[in-house]
PDB file of N, CA and C in Angstrom:
ATOM      1  N   MET A   1     172.380 111.778 107.474  1.00  0.00           N
ATOM      2  CA  MET A   1     172.707 110.868 108.259  1.00  0.00           C
ATOM      3  C   MET A   1     173.804 111.256 109.304  1.00  0.00           C
ATOM      4  N   THR A   2     173.642 110.900 110.470  1.00  0.00           N
ATOM      5  CA  THR A   2     174.565 111.208 111.452  1.00  0.00           C
ATOM      6  C   THR A   2     175.739 110.315 111.521  1.00  0.00           C
ATOM      7  N   VAL A   3     176.926 110.656 112.155  1.00  0.00           N
ATOM      8  CA  VAL A   3     178.079 109.803 112.199  1.00  0.00           C
ATOM      9  C   VAL A   3     177.630 108.342 112.844  1.00  0.00           C
ATOM     10  N   GLN A   4     176.937 108.572 113.981  1.00  0.00           N
ATOM     11  CA  GLN A   4     176.504 107.289 114.680  1.00  0.00           C
ATOM     12  C   GLN A   4     175.733 106.404 113.834  1.00  0.00           C
ATOM     13  N   GLU A   5     175.015 106.820 112.986  1.00  0.00           N
ATOM     14  CA  GLU A   5     174.104 106.052 111.986  1.00  0.00           C
ATOM     15  C   GLU A   5     174.906 105.285 111.109  1.00  0.00           C
ATOM     16  N   SER A   6     176.071 105.867 110.637  1.00  0.00           N
ATOM     17  CA  SER A   6     176.892 105.363 109.543  1.00  0.00           C
ATOM     18  C   SER A   6     177.750 104.399 110.166  1.00  0.00           C
ATOM     19  N   VAL A   7     178.041 104.598 111.552  1.00  0.00           N
ATOM     20  CA  VAL A   7     178.940 103.425 112.207  1.00  0.00           C
ATOM     21  C   VAL A   7     178.278 102.329 112.862  1.00  0.00           C
ATOM     22  N   VAL A   8     177.065 102.586 113.258  1.00  0.00           N
ATOM     23  CA  VAL A   8     176.310 101.499 113.986  1.00  0.00           C
ATOM     24  C   VAL A   8     175.501 100.762 112.838  1.00  0.00           C
ATOM     25  N   PRO A   9     175.859  99.417 112.630  1.00  0.00           N
ATOM     26  CA  PRO A   9     175.162  98.511 111.789  1.00  0.00           C
ATOM     27  C   PRO A   9     173.669  98.314 112.204  1.00  0.00           C
ATOM     28  N   PRO A  10     172.874  98.043 110.983  1.00  0.00           N
ATOM     29  CA  PRO A  10     171.451  97.773 111.544  1.00  0.00           C
ATOM     30  C   PRO A  10     171.345  96.537 112.169  1.00  0.00           C
ATOM     31  N   PRO A  11     170.167  96.250 112.949  1.00  0.00           N
ATOM     32  CA  PRO A  11     170.126  95.008 113.809  1.00  0.00           C
ATOM     33  C   PRO A  11     170.169  93.869 112.660  1.00  0.00           C
ATOM     34  N   ALA A  12     170.897  92.861 113.076  1.00  0.00           N
ATOM     35  CA  ALA A  12     170.970  91.528 112.062  1.00  0.00           C
ATOM     36  C   ALA A  12     169.569  91.018 112.018  1.00  0.00           C
ATOM     37  N   LEU A  13     169.252  90.721 110.708  1.00  0.00           N
ATOM     38  CA  LEU A  13     167.868  90.057 110.492  1.00  0.00           C
ATOM     39  C   LEU A  13     168.098  88.542 110.938  1.00  0.00           C
ATOM     40  N   ASN A  14     167.036  88.277 111.758  1.00  0.00           N
ATOM     41  CA  ASN A  14     167.006  86.831 112.325  1.00  0.00           C
ATOM     42  C   ASN A  14     165.531  86.431 112.105  1.00  0.00           C
ATOM     43  N   LEU A  15     165.399  85.104 112.297  1.00  0.00           N
ATOM     44  CA  LEU A  15     164.237  84.622 111.974  1.00  0.00           C
ATOM     45  C   LEU A  15     162.906  85.127 112.754  1.00  0.00           C
ATOM     46  N   GLU A  16     163.084  85.310 114.191  1.00  0.00           N
ATOM     47  CA  GLU A  16     162.211  85.889 115.102  1.00  0.00           C
ATOM     48  C   GLU A  16     161.806  87.209 114.716  1.00  0.00           C
ATOM     49  N   THR A  17     162.767  88.115 114.381  1.00  0.00           N
ATOM     50  CA  THR A  17     162.584  89.460 113.963  1.00  0.00           C
ATOM     51  C   THR A  17     161.662  89.486 112.523  1.00  0.00           C
ATOM     52  N   LEU A  18     162.072  88.629 111.611  1.00  0.00           N
ATOM     53  CA  LEU A  18     161.262  88.392 110.429  1.00  0.00           C
ATOM     54  C   LEU A  18     159.924  87.966 110.730  1.00  0.00           C
ATOM     55  N   LEU A  19     159.671  87.088 111.551  1.00  0.00           N
ATOM     56  CA  LEU A  19     158.420  86.668 111.878  1.00  0.00           C
ATOM     57  C   LEU A  19     157.437  87.607 112.680  1.00  0.00           C
ATOM     58  N   ALA A  20     158.041  88.467 113.306  1.00  0.00           N
ATOM     59  CA  ALA A  20     157.314  89.595 113.984  1.00  0.00           C
ATOM     60  C   ALA A  20     156.874  90.785 113.032  1.00  0.00           C
ATOM     61  N   ASP A  21     157.415  90.740 111.937  1.00  0.00           N
ATOM     62  CA  ASP A  21     157.002  91.775 110.877  1.00  0.00           C
ATOM     63  C   ASP A  21     156.029  91.155 109.861  1.00  0.00           C
ATOM     64  N   GLU A  22     154.791  91.725 109.560  1.00  0.00           N
ATOM     65  CA  GLU A  22     153.758  91.102 108.934  1.00  0.00           C
ATOM     66  C   GLU A  22     154.262  90.826 107.381  1.00  0.00           C
ATOM     67  N   SER A  23     154.901  91.819 106.815  1.00  0.00           N
ATOM     68  CA  SER A  23     155.421  91.714 105.476  1.00  0.00           C
ATOM     69  C   SER A  23     156.617  90.513 105.429  1.00  0.00           C
ATOM     70  N   GLY A  24     157.450  90.534 106.453  1.00  0.00           N
ATOM     71  CA  GLY A  24     158.438  89.609 106.557  1.00  0.00           C
ATOM     72  C   GLY A  24     157.799  88.261 106.645  1.00  0.00           C
ATOM     73  N   ARG A  25     156.858  88.028 107.456  1.00  0.00           N
ATOM     74  CA  ARG A  25     156.126  86.732 107.553  1.00  0.00           C
ATOM     75  C   ARG A  25     155.653  86.243 106.224  1.00  0.00           C
ATOM     76  N   ALA A  26     154.994  87.213 105.589  1.00  0.00           N
ATOM     77  CA  ALA A  26     154.418  86.983 104.244  1.00  0.00           C
ATOM     78  C   ALA A  26     155.524  86.499 103.156  1.00  0.00           C
ATOM     79  N   ALA A  27     156.528  87.139 103.288  1.00  0.00           N
ATOM     80  CA  ALA A  27     157.638  86.984 102.336  1.00  0.00           C
ATOM     81  C   ALA A  27     158.201  85.584 102.574  1.00  0.00           C
ATOM     82  N   LEU A  28     158.481  85.270 103.743  1.00  0.00           N
ATOM     83  CA  LEU A  28     159.130  83.930 104.208  1.00  0.00           C
ATOM     84  C   LEU A  28     158.084  82.869 103.790  1.00  0.00           C
ATOM     85  N   PHE A  29     156.763  83.127 104.087  1.00  0.00           N
ATOM     86  CA  PHE A  29     155.792  82.148 103.689  1.00  0.00           C
ATOM     87  C   PHE A  29     155.800  81.738 102.108  1.00  0.00           C
ATOM     88  N   GLU A  30     155.730  82.890 101.401  1.00  0.00           N
ATOM     89  CA  GLU A  30     155.833  82.771 100.031  1.00  0.00           C
ATOM     90  C   GLU A  30     157.058  82.038  99.504  1.00  0.00           C
ATOM     91  N   PHE A  31     158.112  82.388 100.007  1.00  0.00           N
ATOM     92  CA  PHE A  31     159.514  81.772  99.632  1.00  0.00           C
ATOM     93  C   PHE A  31     159.341  80.306  99.978  1.00  0.00           C
ATOM     94  N   ALA A  32     158.909  79.949 101.209  1.00  0.00           N
ATOM     95  CA  ALA A  32     159.040  78.531 101.693  1.00  0.00           C
ATOM     96  C   ALA A  32     157.935  77.788 100.774  1.00  0.00           C
ATOM     97  N   LYS A  33     156.810  78.336 100.456  1.00  0.00           N
ATOM     98  CA  LYS A  33     155.733  77.849  99.497  1.00  0.00           C
ATOM     99  C   LYS A  33     156.308  77.443  98.043  1.00  0.00           C
ATOM    100  N   SER A  34     157.166  78.443  97.575  1.00  0.00           N
ATOM    101  CA  SER A  34     157.766  78.186  96.311  1.00  0.00           C
ATOM    102  C   SER A  34     158.716  77.069  96.278  1.00  0.00           C
ATOM    103  N   GLU A  35     159.268  76.708  97.456  1.00  0.00           N
ATOM    104  CA  GLU A  35     160.231  75.564  97.704  1.00  0.00           C
ATOM    105  C   GLU A  35     159.477  74.332  98.173  1.00  0.00           C
ATOM    106  N   TYR A  36     158.287  74.316  98.174  1.00  0.00           N
ATOM    107  CA  TYR A  36     157.504  73.200  98.895  1.00  0.00           C
ATOM    108  C   TYR A  36     157.768  72.854 100.143  1.00  0.00           C
ATOM    109  N   SER A  37     158.021  73.836 101.019  1.00  0.00           N
ATOM    110  CA  SER A  37     158.337  73.654 102.271  1.00  0.00           C
ATOM    111  C   SER A  37     157.775  74.472 103.345  1.00  0.00           C
ATOM    112  N   SER A  38     156.388  74.861 103.035  1.00  0.00           N
ATOM    113  CA  SER A  38     155.737  75.890 103.795  1.00  0.00           C
ATOM    114  C   SER A  38     155.209  75.258 105.035  1.00  0.00           C
ATOM    115  N   GLU A  39     155.182  74.012 105.344  1.00  0.00           N
ATOM    116  CA  GLU A  39     154.417  73.607 106.470  1.00  0.00           C
ATOM    117  C   GLU A  39     155.128  73.917 107.805  1.00  0.00           C
ATOM    118  N   ASN A  40     156.407  74.059 107.977  1.00  0.00           N
ATOM    119  CA  ASN A  40     157.068  74.546 109.072  1.00  0.00           C
ATOM    120  C   ASN A  40     156.790  76.033 109.348  1.00  0.00           C
ATOM    121  N   VAL A  41     156.661  76.909 108.319  1.00  0.00           N
ATOM    122  CA  VAL A  41     156.304  78.184 108.584  1.00  0.00           C
ATOM    123  C   VAL A  41     154.747  78.325 108.953  1.00  0.00           C
ATOM    124  N   GLU A  42     153.973  77.590 108.327  1.00  0.00           N
ATOM    125  CA  GLU A  42     152.526  77.551 108.771  1.00  0.00           C
ATOM    126  C   GLU A  42     152.370  77.098 110.076  1.00  0.00           C
ATOM    127  N   PHE A  43     153.128  76.152 110.483  1.00  0.00           N
ATOM    128  CA  PHE A  43     153.002  75.656 111.890  1.00  0.00           C
ATOM    129  C   PHE A  43     153.313  76.674 112.890  1.00  0.00           C
ATOM    130  N   LEU A  44     154.444  77.349 112.653  1.00  0.00           N
ATOM    131  CA  LEU A  44     154.812  78.523 113.624  1.00  0.00           C
ATOM    132  C   LEU A  44     153.638  79.549 113.508  1.00  0.00           C
ATOM    133  N   PHE A  45     153.039  79.954 112.387  1.00  0.00           N
ATOM    134  CA  PHE A  45     152.018  80.950 112.325  1.00  0.00           C
ATOM    135  C   PHE A  45     150.997  80.423 113.154  1.00  0.00           C
ATOM    136  N   GLU A  46     150.503  79.101 113.073  1.00  0.00           N
ATOM    137  CA  GLU A  46     149.309  78.623 113.793  1.00  0.00           C
ATOM    138  C   GLU A  46     149.527  78.531 115.199  1.00  0.00           C
ATOM    139  N   VAL A  47     150.880  78.127 115.797  1.00  0.00           N
ATOM    140  CA  VAL A  47     151.217  78.051 117.180  1.00  0.00           C
ATOM    141  C   VAL A  47     151.236  79.645 117.741  1.00  0.00           C
ATOM    142  N   ASP A  48     151.810  80.479 116.920  1.00  0.00           N
ATOM    143  CA  ASP A  48     151.753  81.989 117.366  1.00  0.00           C
ATOM    144  C   ASP A  48     150.307  82.485 117.524  1.00  0.00           C
ATOM    145  N   ASP A  49     149.385  81.998 116.817  1.00  0.00           N
ATOM    146  CA  ASP A  49     148.152  82.467 116.798  1.00  0.00           C
ATOM    147  C   ASP A  49     147.422  81.733 118.103  1.00  0.00           C
ATOM    148  N   PHE A  50     147.652  80.467 118.134  1.00  0.00           N
ATOM    149  CA  PHE A  50     147.083  79.748 119.334  1.00  0.00           C
ATOM    150  C   PHE A  50     147.578  80.510 120.709  1.00  0.00           C
ATOM    151  N   ILE A  51     148.944  80.862 120.789  1.00  0.00           N
ATOM    152  CA  ILE A  51     149.366  81.531 122.042  1.00  0.00           C
ATOM    153  C   ILE A  51     148.764  82.878 122.189  1.00  0.00           C
ATOM    154  N   ALA A  52     148.580  83.604 121.127  1.00  0.00           N
ATOM    155  CA  ALA A  52     148.219  84.964 121.054  1.00  0.00           C
ATOM    156  C   ALA A  52     146.746  85.052 121.478  1.00  0.00           C
ATOM    157  N   ARG A  53     145.882  84.077 121.184  1.00  0.00           N
ATOM    158  CA  ARG A  53     144.349  84.025 121.409  1.00  0.00           C
ATOM    159  C   ARG A  53     144.062  83.416 122.590  1.00  0.00           C
ATOM    160  N   TRP A  54     145.064  82.872 123.375  1.00  0.00           N
ATOM    161  CA  TRP A  54     144.795  81.931 124.570  1.00  0.00           C
ATOM    162  C   TRP A  54     143.939  82.615 125.592  1.00  0.00           C
ATOM    163  N   HIS A  55     144.186  83.785 125.950  1.00  0.00           N
ATOM    164  CA  HIS A  55     143.477  84.582 126.989  1.00  0.00           C
ATOM    165  C   HIS A  55     141.989  85.073 126.623  1.00  0.00           C
ATOM    166  N   GLY A  56     141.784  85.188 125.286  1.00  0.00           N
ATOM    167  CA  GLY A  56     140.363  85.489 124.944  1.00  0.00           C
ATOM    168  C   GLY A  56     139.545  84.489 124.567  1.00  0.00           C
ATOM    169  N   ARG A  57     139.903  83.180 124.816  1.00  0.00           N
ATOM    170  CA  ARG A  57     139.161  82.028 124.597  1.00  0.00           C
ATOM    171  C   ARG A  57     138.690  81.297 125.719  1.00  0.00           C
ATOM    172  N   ASP A  58     137.564  80.634 125.472  1.00  0.00           N
ATOM    173  CA  ASP A  58     137.088  79.589 126.590  1.00  0.00           C
ATOM    174  C   ASP A  58     137.858  78.193 126.484  1.00  0.00           C
ATOM    175  N   ASP A  59     137.669  77.267 127.241  1.00  0.00           N
ATOM    176  CA  ASP A  59     138.404  75.971 127.143  1.00  0.00           C
ATOM    177  C   ASP A  59     137.944  75.297 125.968  1.00  0.00           C
ATOM    178  N   THR A  60     136.801  75.506 125.651  1.00  0.00           N
ATOM    179  CA  THR A  60     136.353  74.781 124.492  1.00  0.00           C
ATOM    180  C   THR A  60     137.153  75.202 122.960  1.00  0.00           C
ATOM    181  N   ALA A  61     137.155  76.445 122.863  1.00  0.00           N
ATOM    182  CA  ALA A  61     137.855  77.084 121.896  1.00  0.00           C
ATOM    183  C   ALA A  61     139.253  76.724 121.760  1.00  0.00           C
ATOM    184  N   ARG A  62     139.837  76.719 123.085  1.00  0.00           N
ATOM    185  CA  ARG A  62     141.317  76.414 123.134  1.00  0.00           C
ATOM    186  C   ARG A  62     141.509  75.021 122.662  1.00  0.00           C
ATOM    187  N   LYS A  63     140.670  74.028 123.203  1.00  0.00           N
ATOM    188  CA  LYS A  63     140.879  72.606 122.813  1.00  0.00           C
ATOM    189  C   LYS A  63     140.624  72.420 121.282  1.00  0.00           C
ATOM    190  N   GLU A  64     139.713  72.983 120.743  1.00  0.00           N
ATOM    191  CA  GLU A  64     139.446  72.981 119.236  1.00  0.00           C
ATOM    192  C   GLU A  64     140.630  73.366 118.399  1.00  0.00           C
ATOM    193  N   HIS A  65     141.346  74.603 118.964  1.00  0.00           N
ATOM    194  CA  HIS A  65     142.435  75.163 118.268  1.00  0.00           C
ATOM    195  C   HIS A  65     143.549  74.053 118.335  1.00  0.00           C
ATOM    196  N   PHE A  66     143.716  73.594 119.631  1.00  0.00           N
ATOM    197  CA  PHE A  66     144.812  72.520 119.916  1.00  0.00           C
ATOM    198  C   PHE A  66     144.669  71.444 119.039  1.00  0.00           C
ATOM    199  N   ASP A  67     143.483  70.847 118.940  1.00  0.00           N
ATOM    200  CA  ASP A  67     143.038  69.664 118.168  1.00  0.00           C
ATOM    201  C   ASP A  67     143.362  69.962 116.611  1.00  0.00           C
ATOM    202  N   LEU A  68     143.143  71.129 116.218  1.00  0.00           N
ATOM    203  CA  LEU A  68     143.370  71.492 114.803  1.00  0.00           C
ATOM    204  C   LEU A  68     144.817  71.460 114.491  1.00  0.00           C
ATOM    205  N   ILE A  69     145.586  71.913 115.363  1.00  0.00           N
ATOM    206  CA  ILE A  69     147.072  71.992 115.210  1.00  0.00           C
ATOM    207  C   ILE A  69     147.527  70.429 115.046  1.00  0.00           C
ATOM    208  N   VAL A  70     147.177  69.717 116.098  1.00  0.00           N
ATOM    209  CA  VAL A  70     147.526  68.372 116.029  1.00  0.00           C
ATOM    210  C   VAL A  70     147.020  67.649 114.816  1.00  0.00           C
ATOM    211  N   ARG A  71     145.830  67.720 114.365  1.00  0.00           N
ATOM    212  CA  ARG A  71     145.376  67.267 113.133  1.00  0.00           C
ATOM    213  C   ARG A  71     146.079  67.642 112.026  1.00  0.00           C
ATOM    214  N   GLU A  72     146.296  68.882 111.703  1.00  0.00           N
ATOM    215  CA  GLU A  72     146.959  69.393 110.532  1.00  0.00           C
ATOM    216  C   GLU A  72     148.411  69.199 110.442  1.00  0.00           C
ATOM    217  N   PHE A  73     149.252  69.232 111.785  1.00  0.00           N
ATOM    218  CA  PHE A  73     150.611  69.226 111.631  1.00  0.00           C
ATOM    219  C   PHE A  73     151.382  68.031 112.402  1.00  0.00           C
ATOM    220  N   LEU A  74     150.674  67.503 113.366  1.00  0.00           N
ATOM    221  CA  LEU A  74     151.335  66.451 114.135  1.00  0.00           C
ATOM    222  C   LEU A  74     150.933  65.004 114.064  1.00  0.00           C
ATOM    223  N   GLN A  75     149.898  64.682 113.709  1.00  0.00           N
ATOM    224  CA  GLN A  75     149.530  63.290 113.586  1.00  0.00           C
ATOM    225  C   GLN A  75     150.263  62.694 112.391  1.00  0.00           C
ATOM    226  N   ALA A  76     150.425  61.454 112.289  1.00  0.00           N
ATOM    227  CA  ALA A  76     151.001  60.805 111.241  1.00  0.00           C
ATOM    228  C   ALA A  76     150.206  60.947 110.128  1.00  0.00           C
ATOM    229  N   ASN A  77     150.980  61.370 109.061  1.00  0.00           N
ATOM    230  CA  ASN A  77     150.341  61.453 107.581  1.00  0.00           C
ATOM    231  C   ASN A  77     149.418  62.831 107.841  1.00  0.00           C
ATOM    232  N   ALA A  78     149.679  63.702 108.552  1.00  0.00           N
ATOM    233  CA  ALA A  78     148.747  65.001 108.639  1.00  0.00           C
ATOM    234  C   ALA A  78     149.053  65.646 107.279  1.00  0.00           C
ATOM    235  N   PRO A  79     148.036  66.508 107.013  1.00  0.00           N
ATOM    236  CA  PRO A  79     148.208  67.265 105.626  1.00  0.00           C
ATOM    237  C   PRO A  79     149.368  68.147 105.571  1.00  0.00           C
ATOM    238  N   ARG A  80     149.777  68.691 106.714  1.00  0.00           N
ATOM    239  CA  ARG A  80     150.919  69.541 106.676  1.00  0.00           C
ATOM    240  C   ARG A  80     151.872  69.129 107.699  1.00  0.00           C
ATOM    241  N   GLU A  81     152.229  67.929 107.802  1.00  0.00           N
ATOM    242  CA  GLU A  81     153.115  67.250 108.901  1.00  0.00           C
ATOM    243  C   GLU A  81     154.435  68.024 109.013  1.00  0.00           C
ATOM    244  N   VAL A  82     154.658  68.256 110.212  1.00  0.00           N
ATOM    245  CA  VAL A  82     156.092  68.868 110.591  1.00  0.00           C
ATOM    246  C   VAL A  82     156.763  67.586 111.347  1.00  0.00           C
ATOM    247  N   SER A  83     158.013  67.637 111.212  1.00  0.00           N
ATOM    248  CA  SER A  83     158.884  66.665 111.885  1.00  0.00           C
ATOM    249  C   SER A  83     159.476  67.182 113.019  1.00  0.00           C
ATOM    250  N   LEU A  84     159.064  66.707 114.303  1.00  0.00           N
ATOM    251  CA  LEU A  84     159.521  67.070 115.659  1.00  0.00           C
ATOM    252  C   LEU A  84     160.436  65.840 116.216  1.00  0.00           C
ATOM    253  N   GLY A  85     160.395  64.805 115.466  1.00  0.00           N
ATOM    254  CA  GLY A  85     160.838  63.456 116.165  1.00  0.00           C
ATOM    255  C   GLY A  85     159.535  62.666 116.632  1.00  0.00           C
ATOM    256  N   HIS A  86     159.595  61.522 116.325  1.00  0.00           N
ATOM    257  CA  HIS A  86     158.548  60.615 116.615  1.00  0.00           C
ATOM    258  C   HIS A  86     157.916  60.774 117.976  1.00  0.00           C
ATOM    259  N   SER A  87     158.883  60.926 119.167  1.00  0.00           N
ATOM    260  CA  SER A  87     158.351  60.891 120.445  1.00  0.00           C
ATOM    261  C   SER A  87     157.627  62.348 120.818  1.00  0.00           C
ATOM    262  N   LYS A  88     158.278  63.264 120.282  1.00  0.00           N
ATOM    263  CA  LYS A  88     157.605  64.548 120.505  1.00  0.00           C
ATOM    264  C   LYS A  88     156.233  64.647 119.896  1.00  0.00           C
ATOM    265  N   ASN A  89     156.181  64.146 118.594  1.00  0.00           N
ATOM    266  CA  ASN A  89     154.893  64.157 117.925  1.00  0.00           C
ATOM    267  C   ASN A  89     153.889  63.394 118.681  1.00  0.00           C
ATOM    268  N   GLN A  90     154.159  62.061 119.173  1.00  0.00           N
ATOM    269  CA  GLN A  90     153.311  61.238 119.600  1.00  0.00           C
ATOM    270  C   GLN A  90     152.940  61.816 121.054  1.00  0.00           C
ATOM    271  N   ARG A  91     153.820  62.464 121.767  1.00  0.00           N
ATOM    272  CA  ARG A  91     153.448  63.038 123.058  1.00  0.00           C
ATOM    273  C   ARG A  91     152.326  64.095 123.043  1.00  0.00           C
ATOM    274  N   LEU A  92     152.513  65.034 121.895  1.00  0.00           N
ATOM    275  CA  LEU A  92     151.348  66.007 121.680  1.00  0.00           C
ATOM    276  C   LEU A  92     150.161  65.368 121.145  1.00  0.00           C
ATOM    277  N   VAL A  93     150.263  64.419 120.239  1.00  0.00           N
ATOM    278  CA  VAL A  93     149.027  63.756 119.809  1.00  0.00           C
ATOM    279  C   VAL A  93     148.140  63.063 120.834  1.00  0.00           C
ATOM    280  N   ALA A  94     148.956  62.620 121.903  1.00  0.00           N
ATOM    281  CA  ALA A  94     148.262  61.792 123.002  1.00  0.00           C
ATOM    282  C   ALA A  94     147.814  62.757 124.142  1.00  0.00           C
ATOM    283  N   THR A  95     148.157  63.966 124.033  1.00  0.00           N
ATOM    284  CA  THR A  95     147.749  65.044 125.070  1.00  0.00           C
ATOM    285  C   THR A  95     146.257  65.152 125.101  1.00  0.00           C
ATOM    286  N   THR A  96     145.677  65.194 126.144  1.00  0.00           N
ATOM    287  CA  THR A  96     144.173  65.459 126.319  1.00  0.00           C
ATOM    288  C   THR A  96     143.958  66.672 126.864  1.00  0.00           C
ATOM    289  N   ALA A  97     144.768  67.339 127.567  1.00  0.00           N
ATOM    290  CA  ALA A  97     144.714  68.628 128.307  1.00  0.00           C
ATOM    291  C   ALA A  97     145.593  69.734 127.654  1.00  0.00           C
ATOM    292  N   CYS A  98     145.229  70.794 127.123  1.00  0.00           N
ATOM    293  CA  CYS A  98     146.072  71.799 126.582  1.00  0.00           C
ATOM    294  C   CYS A  98     146.341  72.768 127.602  1.00  0.00           C
ATOM    295  N   SER A  99     147.546  73.431 127.391  1.00  0.00           N
ATOM    296  CA  SER A  99     147.955  74.610 128.196  1.00  0.00           C
ATOM    297  C   SER A  99     148.480  75.793 127.222  1.00  0.00           C
ATOM    298  N   HIS A 100     148.648  76.904 127.742  1.00  0.00           N
ATOM    299  CA  HIS A 100     149.215  78.054 127.107  1.00  0.00           C
ATOM    300  C   HIS A 100     150.499  77.737 126.456  1.00  0.00           C
ATOM    301  N   ASP A 101     151.294  76.887 127.044  1.00  0.00           N
ATOM    302  CA  ASP A 101     152.676  76.685 126.654  1.00  0.00           C
ATOM    303  C   ASP A 101     152.825  75.238 126.056  1.00  0.00           C
ATOM    304  N   ILE A 102     151.842  74.610 125.789  1.00  0.00           N
ATOM    305  CA  ILE A 102     151.943  73.178 125.260  1.00  0.00           C
ATOM    306  C   ILE A 102     152.804  73.014 123.959  1.00  0.00           C
ATOM    307  N   PHE A 103     152.833  73.957 123.127  1.00  0.00           N
ATOM    308  CA  PHE A 103     153.577  73.853 121.951  1.00  0.00           C
ATOM    309  C   PHE A 103     154.956  74.566 122.062  1.00  0.00           C
ATOM    310  N   ASN A 104     155.402  75.042 123.271  1.00  0.00           N
ATOM    311  CA  ASN A 104     156.715  75.742 123.255  1.00  0.00           C
ATOM    312  C   ASN A 104     157.891  74.842 122.870  1.00  0.00           C
ATOM    313  N   ASP A 105     157.949  73.599 123.210  1.00  0.00           N
ATOM    314  CA  ASP A 105     159.206  72.751 122.608  1.00  0.00           C
ATOM    315  C   ASP A 105     158.972  72.509 121.146  1.00  0.00           C
ATOM    316  N   ALA A 106     157.772  72.369 120.850  1.00  0.00           N
ATOM    317  CA  ALA A 106     157.475  71.942 119.313  1.00  0.00           C
ATOM    318  C   ALA A 106     158.007  73.168 118.526  1.00  0.00           C
ATOM    319  N   ARG A 107     157.576  74.406 118.964  1.00  0.00           N
ATOM    320  CA  ARG A 107     157.871  75.666 118.307  1.00  0.00           C
ATOM    321  C   ARG A 107     159.216  75.895 118.275  1.00  0.00           C
ATOM    322  N   LYS A 108     160.023  75.561 119.251  1.00  0.00           N
ATOM    323  CA  LYS A 108     161.444  75.815 119.299  1.00  0.00           C
ATOM    324  C   LYS A 108     162.137  74.918 118.190  1.00  0.00           C
ATOM    325  N   THR A 109     161.609  73.601 118.242  1.00  0.00           N
ATOM    326  CA  THR A 109     162.295  72.533 117.291  1.00  0.00           C
ATOM    327  C   THR A 109     162.125  73.124 115.925  1.00  0.00           C
ATOM    328  N   VAL A 110     160.742  73.480 115.473  1.00  0.00           N
ATOM    329  CA  VAL A 110     160.522  73.811 114.270  1.00  0.00           C
ATOM    330  C   VAL A 110     161.304  75.142 113.852  1.00  0.00           C
ATOM    331  N   ALA A 111     161.266  76.129 114.752  1.00  0.00           N
ATOM    332  CA  ALA A 111     162.064  77.365 114.461  1.00  0.00           C
ATOM    333  C   ALA A 111     163.487  76.969 114.282  1.00  0.00           C
ATOM    334  N   ILE A 112     164.076  76.141 115.156  1.00  0.00           N
ATOM    335  CA  ILE A 112     165.544  75.761 114.883  1.00  0.00           C
ATOM    336  C   ILE A 112     165.681  75.204 113.469  1.00  0.00           C
ATOM    337  N   SER A 113     164.749  74.356 113.001  1.00  0.00           N
ATOM    338  CA  SER A 113     164.881  73.630 111.565  1.00  0.00           C
ATOM    339  C   SER A 113     164.815  74.866 110.505  1.00  0.00           C
ATOM    340  N   LEU A 114     163.860  75.749 110.775  1.00  0.00           N
ATOM    341  CA  LEU A 114     163.815  76.806 109.796  1.00  0.00           C
ATOM    342  C   LEU A 114     165.087  77.688 109.695  1.00  0.00           C
ATOM    343  N   GLU A 115     165.691  77.902 110.812  1.00  0.00           N
ATOM    344  CA  GLU A 115     166.877  78.774 110.935  1.00  0.00           C
ATOM    345  C   GLU A 115     167.952  78.124 110.066  1.00  0.00           C
ATOM    346  N   HIS A 116     168.000  76.788 110.300  1.00  0.00           N
ATOM    347  CA  HIS A 116     169.070  76.085 109.624  1.00  0.00           C
ATOM    348  C   HIS A 116     168.875  75.647 108.061  1.00  0.00           C
ATOM    349  N   ASP A 117     167.668  75.748 107.727  1.00  0.00           N
ATOM    350  CA  ASP A 117     167.279  75.317 106.303  1.00  0.00           C
ATOM    351  C   ASP A 117     166.734  76.352 105.490  1.00  0.00           C
ATOM    352  N   VAL A 118     165.500  76.770 105.665  1.00  0.00           N
ATOM    353  CA  VAL A 118     164.705  77.681 104.854  1.00  0.00           C
ATOM    354  C   VAL A 118     165.139  78.982 104.856  1.00  0.00           C
ATOM    355  N   PHE A 119     165.347  79.424 106.146  1.00  0.00           N
ATOM    356  CA  PHE A 119     165.796  80.841 106.394  1.00  0.00           C
ATOM    357  C   PHE A 119     167.012  81.261 105.741  1.00  0.00           C
ATOM    358  N   PRO A 120     168.259  80.439 105.672  1.00  0.00           N
ATOM    359  CA  PRO A 120     169.426  80.844 105.126  1.00  0.00           C
ATOM    360  C   PRO A 120     169.137  81.023 103.507  1.00  0.00           C
ATOM    361  N   ARG A 121     168.300  80.020 102.972  1.00  0.00           N
ATOM    362  CA  ARG A 121     168.167  80.157 101.600  1.00  0.00           C
ATOM    363  C   ARG A 121     167.240  81.397 101.266  1.00  0.00           C
ATOM    364  N   PHE A 122     166.277  81.707 102.125  1.00  0.00           N
ATOM    365  CA  PHE A 122     165.551  83.000 101.943  1.00  0.00           C
ATOM    366  C   PHE A 122     166.297  84.124 101.988  1.00  0.00           C
ATOM    367  N   LEU A 123     167.182  84.198 102.896  1.00  0.00           N
ATOM    368  CA  LEU A 123     168.248  85.466 102.862  1.00  0.00           C
ATOM    369  C   LEU A 123     169.047  85.415 101.691  1.00  0.00           C
ATOM    370  N   LYS A 124     169.515  84.293 101.084  1.00  0.00           N
ATOM    371  CA  LYS A 124     170.341  84.290  99.970  1.00  0.00           C
ATOM    372  C   LYS A 124     169.467  84.804  98.780  1.00  0.00           C
ATOM    373  N   SER A 125     168.229  84.487  98.759  1.00  0.00           N
ATOM    374  CA  SER A 125     167.305  84.732  97.644  1.00  0.00           C
ATOM    375  C   SER A 125     167.072  86.265  97.543  1.00  0.00           C
ATOM    376  N   LEU A 126     167.239  87.000  98.814  1.00  0.00           N
ATOM    377  CA  LEU A 126     167.191  88.563  98.752  1.00  0.00           C
ATOM    378  C   LEU A 126     168.416  89.118  98.204  1.00  0.00           C
ATOM    379  N   ASP A 127     169.411  88.509  98.141  1.00  0.00           N
ATOM    380  CA  ASP A 127     170.596  89.021  97.495  1.00  0.00           C
ATOM    381  C   ASP A 127     170.587  89.106  96.038  1.00  0.00           C
ATOM    382  N   ASN A 128     169.617  88.238  95.473  1.00  0.00           N
ATOM    383  CA  ASN A 128     169.606  88.072  93.867  1.00  0.00           C
ATOM    384  C   ASN A 128     168.770  89.062  93.323  1.00  0.00           C
TER     385      ASN A 128
END
């Protein structure tokens, strides 16, 4: 190890860094699942997939994926309902046209929730 490597700390682990790593994503999901709070993590995965596949899909496939996300995560009493606040949920549920960035605000809201709730507990679990 060089002197520089011993002085420069590794980059801080944050939620987005963890989500960018396949094994990190899986570990966070399993942790959230064990705490019965996996819906927020699953929502981020689904939205990230929606965004990543946008350009390779036709309008019908995009709308089907959009509708799936709304049905699974945003409608009242959805199987994996996430809480964005009533007005944000209702605005997305009522949307008829989807765009590449339609979920940006929702993703940000859920990521902030994870950063303040599940993610710190996940990090603490790594110390044990």
